[in-house]
């Protein structure tokens, strides 16, 4: 059995801004962060070097998106560790989150965490994004993935209802990715394409989000 006390000793000290971003849900966020620190490497969710930056690089980087979501149904593609899906579900109990993940071990983790943390607004679906379907479509879709937009958009856009919104977390190369994905953007009839930069002056590193509307 892993030495959980040793793992927790490596966990980054909670930044003071966490309370502001999570509000009265911060205790639930603390429990999830501790669980991820203890079991993340065991489940293949995070690497061993991530604990000293778990809050800033992963938890706060995810929760900064919370104000962008509306009451409705949101899909998180390739949810993995629950980043950003579980973090957002903690921060926004008024929003229904559908976590889509193909790997059985990670599905088990997501279900266990949703149950342990009392997240009644979470549904976990095992499968690949291209294999799941929603009769009425999702209101919003998010993903925190390394795939380029040219590959990510074809996975995410078909899950949206007309007028639904993509909110995809991206890195510093997002502008170049948008240029490379112009054909795909036109194919899936995405409009109002823009890049949001979140967390300036709040987080050590800002979070970039590709936003677009499905027509």
C-alpha atoms as a PDB file:
ATOM      1  CA  UNK A   1       0.000   0.000   0.000  1.00  0.00           C
ATOM      2  CA  UNK A   2       1.352   3.453  -0.850  1.00  0.00           C
ATOM      3  CA  UNK A   3       2.555   5.688   1.979  1.00  0.00           C
ATOM      4  CA  UNK A   4      -0.233   8.260   1.805  1.00  0.00           C
ATOM      5  CA  UNK A   5       1.291  10.465   4.489  1.00  0.00           C
ATOM      6  CA  UNK A   6       4.470  10.760   2.422  1.00  0.00           C
ATOM      7  CA  UNK A   7       2.456  11.604  -0.675  1.00  0.00           C
ATOM      8  CA  UNK A   8       0.436  14.269   1.121  1.00  0.00           C
ATOM      9  CA  UNK A   9       3.673  15.762   2.478  1.00  0.00           C
ATOM     10  CA  UNK A  10       4.654  16.474  -1.137  1.00  0.00           C
ATOM     11  CA  UNK A  11       1.331  18.162  -1.938  1.00  0.00           C
ATOM     12  CA  UNK A  12       1.536  21.840  -2.753  1.00  0.00           C
ATOM     13  CA  UNK A  13       0.266  24.114   0.001  1.00  0.00           C
ATOM     14  CA  UNK A  14      -3.195  25.347  -0.845  1.00  0.00           C
ATOM     15  CA  UNK A  15      -2.972  28.815  -2.432  1.00  0.00           C
ATOM     16  CA  UNK A  16      -5.048  31.444  -0.627  1.00  0.00           C
ATOM     17  CA  UNK A  17      -6.940  32.213  -3.852  1.00  0.00           C
ATOM     18  CA  UNK A  18      -8.513  28.727  -3.764  1.00  0.00           C
ATOM     19  CA  UNK A  19     -11.070  29.896  -1.205  1.00  0.00           C
ATOM     20  CA  UNK A  20     -12.073  32.817  -3.441  1.00  0.00           C
ATOM     21  CA  UNK A  21     -12.444  30.621  -6.533  1.00  0.00           C
ATOM     22  CA  UNK A  22     -14.355  27.772  -4.862  1.00  0.00           C
ATOM     23  CA  UNK A  23     -16.288  29.804  -2.301  1.00  0.00           C
ATOM     24  CA  UNK A  24     -18.318  27.629   0.046  1.00  0.00           C
ATOM     25  CA  UNK A  25     -17.297  24.557  -1.975  1.00  0.00           C
ATOM     26  CA  UNK A  26     -13.625  24.804  -1.054  1.00  0.00           C
ATOM     27  CA  UNK A  27     -13.806  21.981   1.509  1.00  0.00           C
ATOM     28  CA  UNK A  28     -15.002  19.597  -1.210  1.00  0.00           C
ATOM     29  CA  UNK A  29     -12.166  20.793  -3.457  1.00  0.00           C
ATOM     30  CA  UNK A  30      -9.683  20.100  -0.671  1.00  0.00           C
ATOM     31  CA  UNK A  31     -10.962  16.542  -0.282  1.00  0.00           C
ATOM     32  CA  UNK A  32     -10.721  15.912  -4.022  1.00  0.00           C
ATOM     33  CA  UNK A  33      -7.209  17.380  -4.200  1.00  0.00           C
ATOM     34  CA  UNK A  34      -6.055  15.201  -1.304  1.00  0.00           C
ATOM     35  CA  UNK A  35      -7.604  12.120  -2.935  1.00  0.00           C
ATOM     36  CA  UNK A  36      -5.866  12.929  -6.223  1.00  0.00           C
ATOM     37  CA  UNK A  37      -2.563  13.391  -4.402  1.00  0.00           C
ATOM     38  CA  UNK A  38      -2.937  10.009  -2.699  1.00  0.00           C
ATOM     39  CA  UNK A  39      -4.206   7.966  -5.637  1.00  0.00           C
ATOM     40  CA  UNK A  40      -3.240   9.906  -8.759  1.00  0.00           C
ATOM     41  CA  UNK A  41      -0.075   8.005  -9.606  1.00  0.00           C
ATOM     42  CA  UNK A  42      -1.624   4.684  -8.531  1.00  0.00           C
ATOM     43  CA  UNK A  43      -4.467   5.172 -11.054  1.00  0.00           C
ATOM     44  CA  UNK A  44      -2.179   6.591 -13.726  1.00  0.00           C
ATOM     45  CA  UNK A  45      -3.888   9.984 -13.516  1.00  0.00           C
ATOM     46  CA  UNK A  46      -0.953  12.282 -12.777  1.00  0.00           C
ATOM     47  CA  UNK A  47       2.805  11.902 -12.739  1.00  0.00           C
ATOM     48  CA  UNK A  48       4.915  11.726  -9.565  1.00  0.00           C
ATOM     49  CA  UNK A  49       6.301  15.224 -10.138  1.00  0.00           C
ATOM     50  CA  UNK A  50       2.886  16.889 -10.160  1.00  0.00           C
ATOM     51  CA  UNK A  51       2.210  16.943  -6.404  1.00  0.00           C
ATOM     52  CA  UNK A  52       4.244  20.094  -5.641  1.00  0.00           C
ATOM     53  CA  UNK A  53       2.168  21.988  -8.219  1.00  0.00           C
ATOM     54  CA  UNK A  54      -1.115  20.103  -8.048  1.00  0.00           C
ATOM     55  CA  UNK A  55      -3.189  23.051  -6.863  1.00  0.00           C
ATOM     56  CA  UNK A  56      -1.853  25.715  -9.222  1.00  0.00           C
ATOM     57  CA  UNK A  57      -1.238  23.632 -12.352  1.00  0.00           C
ATOM     58  CA  UNK A  58      -4.309  21.412 -12.228  1.00  0.00           C
ATOM     59  CA  UNK A  59      -7.015  22.336  -9.701  1.00  0.00           C
ATOM     60  CA  UNK A  60      -7.014  26.134 -10.016  1.00  0.00           C
ATOM     61  CA  UNK A  61      -6.230  25.920 -13.725  1.00  0.00           C
ATOM     62  CA  UNK A  62      -9.531  24.012 -14.057  1.00  0.00           C
ATOM     63  CA  UNK A  63     -11.776  25.934 -11.665  1.00  0.00           C
ATOM     64  CA  UNK A  64     -10.952  29.267 -13.299  1.00  0.00           C
ATOM     65  CA  UNK A  65     -13.355  28.190 -16.092  1.00  0.00           C
ATOM     66  CA  UNK A  66     -16.302  27.763 -13.719  1.00  0.00           C
ATOM     67  CA  UNK A  67     -17.986  31.146 -14.422  1.00  0.00           C
ATOM     68  CA  UNK A  68     -18.165  30.316 -18.164  1.00  0.00           C
ATOM     69  CA  UNK A  69     -20.734  27.568 -17.706  1.00  0.00           C
ATOM     70  CA  UNK A  70     -24.495  27.982 -17.767  1.00  0.00           C
ATOM     71  CA  UNK A  71     -27.177  25.959 -16.060  1.00  0.00           C
ATOM     72  CA  UNK A  72     -27.638  23.001 -18.387  1.00  0.00           C
ATOM     73  CA  UNK A  73     -25.744  19.886 -19.443  1.00  0.00           C
ATOM     74  CA  UNK A  74     -21.988  20.002 -20.054  1.00  0.00           C
ATOM     75  CA  UNK A  75     -19.769  17.272 -21.489  1.00  0.00           C
ATOM     76  CA  UNK A  76     -16.136  16.851 -20.431  1.00  0.00           C
ATOM     77  CA  UNK A  77     -14.286  14.841 -23.073  1.00  0.00           C
ATOM     78  CA  UNK A  78     -11.503  12.532 -21.900  1.00  0.00           C
ATOM     79  CA  UNK A  79     -12.097  13.503 -18.299  1.00  0.00           C
ATOM     80  CA  UNK A  80      -9.297  11.286 -16.967  1.00  0.00           C
ATOM     81  CA  UNK A  81      -8.479  12.455 -13.456  1.00  0.00           C
ATOM     82  CA  UNK A  82     -11.545  14.680 -13.433  1.00  0.00           C
ATOM     83  CA  UNK A  83      -9.699  17.691 -14.798  1.00  0.00           C
ATOM     84  CA  UNK A  84     -11.597  19.829 -15.435  1.00  0.00           C
ATOM     85  CA  UNK A  85     -14.877  17.874 -15.078  1.00  0.00           C
ATOM     86  CA  UNK A  86     -14.890  16.949 -11.384  1.00  0.00           C
ATOM     87  CA  UNK A  87     -13.334  20.255 -10.382  1.00  0.00           C
ATOM     88  CA  UNK A  88     -16.026  22.161 -12.282  1.00  0.00           C
ATOM     89  CA  UNK A  89     -18.767  19.939 -10.843  1.00  0.00           C
ATOM     90  CA  UNK A  90     -17.511  20.804  -7.366  1.00  0.00           C
ATOM     91  CA  UNK A  91     -17.516  24.532  -8.087  1.00  0.00           C
ATOM     92  CA  UNK A  92     -20.825  24.542 -10.026  1.00  0.00           C
ATOM     93  CA  UNK A  93     -23.347  22.225  -8.345  1.00  0.00           C
ATOM     94  CA  UNK A  94     -26.065  23.970 -10.390  1.00  0.00           C
ATOM     95  CA  UNK A  95     -24.693  22.528 -13.657  1.00  0.00           C
ATOM     96  CA  UNK A  96     -25.016  18.898 -14.822  1.00  0.00           C
ATOM     97  CA  UNK A  97     -21.693  17.418 -15.959  1.00  0.00           C
ATOM     98  CA  UNK A  98     -21.308  14.330 -18.141  1.00  0.00           C
ATOM     99  CA  UNK A  99     -17.769  12.956 -17.871  1.00  0.00           C
ATOM    100  CA  UNK A 100     -16.798  10.925 -20.945  1.00  0.00           C
ATOM    101  CA  UNK A 101     -13.779   8.649 -20.499  1.00  0.00           C
ATOM    102  CA  UNK A 102     -12.802   5.434 -22.345  1.00  0.00           C
ATOM    103  CA  UNK A 103     -10.396   3.859 -19.811  1.00  0.00           C
ATOM    104  CA  UNK A 104     -11.998   1.546 -17.262  1.00  0.00           C
ATOM    105  CA  UNK A 105      -9.630   2.389 -14.402  1.00  0.00           C
ATOM    106  CA  UNK A 106     -10.267   6.102 -14.836  1.00  0.00           C
ATOM    107  CA  UNK A 107     -14.029   5.540 -15.092  1.00  0.00           C
ATOM    108  CA  UNK A 108     -13.846   3.730 -11.746  1.00  0.00           C
ATOM    109  CA  UNK A 109     -11.938   6.669 -10.263  1.00  0.00           C
ATOM    110  CA  UNK A 110     -14.454   9.209 -11.576  1.00  0.00           C
ATOM    111  CA  UNK A 111     -17.436   7.251 -10.269  1.00  0.00           C
ATOM    112  CA  UNK A 112     -15.802   6.688  -6.885  1.00  0.00           C
ATOM    113  CA  UNK A 113     -14.945  10.363  -6.494  1.00  0.00           C
ATOM    114  CA  UNK A 114     -18.387  11.552  -7.555  1.00  0.00           C
ATOM    115  CA  UNK A 115     -19.924   9.237  -4.946  1.00  0.00           C
ATOM    116  CA  UNK A 116     -17.465  10.035  -2.163  1.00  0.00           C
ATOM    117  CA  UNK A 117     -17.720  13.794  -2.697  1.00  0.00           C
ATOM    118  CA  UNK A 118     -21.512  13.718  -3.001  1.00  0.00           C
ATOM    119  CA  UNK A 119     -21.568  15.140  -6.520  1.00  0.00           C
ATOM    120  CA  UNK A 120     -25.122  14.453  -7.600  1.00  0.00           C
ATOM    121  CA  UNK A 121     -24.592  16.606 -10.690  1.00  0.00           C
ATOM    122  CA  UNK A 122     -22.103  14.136 -12.255  1.00  0.00           C
ATOM    123  CA  UNK A 123     -22.755  11.280 -14.682  1.00  0.00           C
ATOM    124  CA  UNK A 124     -19.840   9.183 -15.949  1.00  0.00           C
ATOM    125  CA  UNK A 125     -19.981   7.541 -19.381  1.00  0.00           C
ATOM    126  CA  UNK A 126     -17.400   4.999 -20.471  1.00  0.00           C
ATOM    127  CA  UNK A 127     -16.548   5.448 -24.124  1.00  0.00           C
ATOM    128  CA  UNK A 128     -14.776   7.561 -26.693  1.00  0.00           C
ATOM    129  CA  UNK A 129     -16.250  10.882 -27.686  1.00  0.00           C
ATOM    130  CA  UNK A 130     -16.881   9.660 -31.223  1.00  0.00           C
ATOM    131  CA  UNK A 131     -18.859   6.654 -29.941  1.00  0.00           C
ATOM    132  CA  UNK A 132     -21.276   8.390 -27.570  1.00  0.00           C
ATOM    133  CA  UNK A 133     -24.343  10.317 -28.624  1.00  0.00           C
ATOM    134  CA  UNK A 134     -26.935  12.586 -27.111  1.00  0.00           C
ATOM    135  CA  UNK A 135     -30.428  12.789 -28.601  1.00  0.00           C
ATOM    136  CA  UNK A 136     -30.856  16.473 -27.804  1.00  0.00           C
ATOM    137  CA  UNK A 137     -27.184  17.450 -27.783  1.00  0.00           C
ATOM    138  CA  UNK A 138     -25.174  19.025 -24.997  1.00  0.00           C
ATOM    139  CA  UNK A 139     -25.362  22.687 -24.082  1.00  0.00           C
ATOM    140  CA  UNK A 140     -21.604  23.038 -23.690  1.00  0.00           C
ATOM    141  CA  UNK A 141     -18.563  20.810 -24.185  1.00  0.00           C
ATOM    142  CA  UNK A 142     -15.158  21.212 -22.601  1.00  0.00           C
ATOM    143  CA  UNK A 143     -11.878  19.310 -22.712  1.00  0.00           C
ATOM    144  CA  UNK A 144      -8.441  19.659 -21.223  1.00  0.00           C
ATOM    145  CA  UNK A 145      -6.487  17.791 -23.844  1.00  0.00           C
ATOM    146  CA  UNK A 146      -3.174  17.863 -25.666  1.00  0.00           C
ATOM    147  CA  UNK A 147      -4.782  17.145 -29.032  1.00  0.00           C
ATOM    148  CA  UNK A 148      -4.628  19.937 -31.585  1.00  0.00           C
ATOM    149  CA  UNK A 149      -7.885  21.702 -32.420  1.00  0.00           C
ATOM    150  CA  UNK A 150      -7.941  20.077 -35.850  1.00  0.00           C
ATOM    151  CA  UNK A 151      -8.364  16.714 -34.083  1.00  0.00           C
ATOM    152  CA  UNK A 152     -10.285  17.882 -31.026  1.00  0.00           C
ATOM    153  CA  UNK A 153     -13.061  19.819 -32.766  1.00  0.00           C
ATOM    154  CA  UNK A 154     -14.324  16.775 -34.775  1.00  0.00           C
ATOM    155  CA  UNK A 155     -14.627  14.860 -31.490  1.00  0.00           C
ATOM    156  CA  UNK A 156     -16.394  17.585 -29.531  1.00  0.00           C
ATOM    157  CA  UNK A 157     -18.518  19.624 -31.937  1.00  0.00           C
ATOM    158  CA  UNK A 158     -20.902  16.775 -32.950  1.00  0.00           C
ATOM    159  CA  UNK A 159     -21.969  16.405 -29.311  1.00  0.00           C
ATOM    160  CA  UNK A 160     -23.388  19.938 -29.141  1.00  0.00           C
ATOM    161  CA  UNK A 161     -26.932  21.045 -29.789  1.00  0.00           C
ATOM    162  CA  UNK A 162     -27.379  23.899 -32.289  1.00  0.00           C
ATOM    163  CA  UNK A 163     -26.287  27.030 -30.459  1.00  0.00           C
ATOM    164  CA  UNK A 164     -24.167  24.978 -28.049  1.00  0.00           C
ATOM    165  CA  UNK A 165     -20.742  26.146 -27.020  1.00  0.00           C
ATOM    166  CA  UNK A 166     -17.230  24.700 -27.145  1.00  0.00           C
ATOM    167  CA  UNK A 167     -14.893  25.675 -24.305  1.00  0.00           C
ATOM    168  CA  UNK A 168     -11.606  23.870 -24.920  1.00  0.00           C
ATOM    169  CA  UNK A 169      -8.579  24.425 -22.694  1.00  0.00           C
ATOM    170  CA  UNK A 170      -5.469  25.046 -24.776  1.00  0.00           C
ATOM    171  CA  UNK A 171      -1.834  26.063 -24.471  1.00  0.00           C
ATOM    172  CA  UNK A 172       0.129  29.055 -25.692  1.00  0.00           C
ATOM    173  CA  UNK A 173       0.049  27.783 -29.294  1.00  0.00           C
ATOM    174  CA  UNK A 174      -3.735  28.095 -29.606  1.00  0.00           C
ATOM    175  CA  UNK A 175      -3.580  30.908 -32.174  1.00  0.00           C
ATOM    176  CA  UNK A 176      -1.512  28.765 -34.532  1.00  0.00           C
ATOM    177  CA  UNK A 177      -3.867  25.845 -33.904  1.00  0.00           C
ATOM    178  CA  UNK A 178      -6.840  27.963 -34.924  1.00  0.00           C
ATOM    179  CA  UNK A 179      -5.117  28.896 -38.174  1.00  0.00           C
ATOM    180  CA  UNK A 180      -4.343  25.241 -38.876  1.00  0.00           C
ATOM    181  CA  UNK A 181      -7.921  24.216 -38.073  1.00  0.00           C
ATOM    182  CA  UNK A 182      -9.762  26.680 -40.337  1.00  0.00           C
ATOM    183  CA  UNK A 183     -11.055  23.941 -42.639  1.00  0.00           C
ATOM    184  CA  UNK A 184     -12.394  21.957 -39.670  1.00  0.00           C
ATOM    185  CA  UNK A 185     -13.934  25.083 -38.120  1.00  0.00           C
ATOM    186  CA  UNK A 186     -15.831  25.722 -41.356  1.00  0.00           C
ATOM    187  CA  UNK A 187     -16.823  22.060 -41.740  1.00  0.00           C
ATOM    188  CA  UNK A 188     -18.457  21.989 -38.311  1.00  0.00           C
ATOM    189  CA  UNK A 189     -20.010  25.452 -38.799  1.00  0.00           C
ATOM    190  CA  UNK A 190     -18.430  27.045 -35.751  1.00  0.00           C
ATOM    191  CA  UNK A 191     -19.059  30.745 -35.259  1.00  0.00           C
ATOM    192  CA  UNK A 192     -17.868  33.514 -32.933  1.00  0.00           C
ATOM    193  CA  UNK A 193     -14.473  31.859 -32.548  1.00  0.00           C
ATOM    194  CA  UNK A 194     -12.299  33.517 -29.927  1.00  0.00           C
ATOM    195  CA  UNK A 195      -9.577  32.838 -27.374  1.00  0.00           C
ATOM    196  CA  UNK A 196     -10.193  33.738 -23.743  1.00  0.00           C
ATOM    197  CA  UNK A 197      -7.294  34.247 -21.349  1.00  0.00           C
ATOM    198  CA  UNK A 198      -8.398  33.597 -17.793  1.00  0.00           C
ATOM    199  CA  UNK A 199      -6.773  34.141 -14.426  1.00  0.00           C
ATOM    200  CA  UNK A 200      -4.530  37.100 -15.164  1.00  0.00           C
ATOM    201  CA  UNK A 201      -3.430  38.565 -11.847  1.00  0.00           C
ATOM    202  CA  UNK A 202      -5.064  35.654 -10.038  1.00  0.00           C
ATOM    203  CA  UNK A 203      -3.100  32.554 -11.102  1.00  0.00           C
ATOM    204  CA  UNK A 204       0.661  32.181 -11.660  1.00  0.00           C
ATOM    205  CA  UNK A 205      -0.087  31.189 -15.262  1.00  0.00           C
ATOM    206  CA  UNK A 206      -3.173  32.192 -17.216  1.00  0.00           C
ATOM    207  CA  UNK A 207      -5.513  29.598 -18.711  1.00  0.00           C
ATOM    208  CA  UNK A 208      -6.345  29.880 -22.409  1.00  0.00           C
ATOM    209  CA  UNK A 209      -9.714  28.726 -23.669  1.00  0.00           C
ATOM    210  CA  UNK A 210     -10.837  28.255 -27.269  1.00  0.00           C
ATOM    211  CA  UNK A 211     -14.483  29.289 -27.429  1.00  0.00           C
ATOM    212  CA  UNK A 212     -16.881  28.831 -30.359  1.00  0.00           C
ATOM    213  CA  UNK A 213     -20.610  28.419 -31.013  1.00  0.00           C
ATOM    214  CA  UNK A 214     -22.067  25.516 -33.012  1.00  0.00           C
ATOM    215  CA  UNK A 215     -24.502  26.817 -35.624  1.00  0.00           C
END
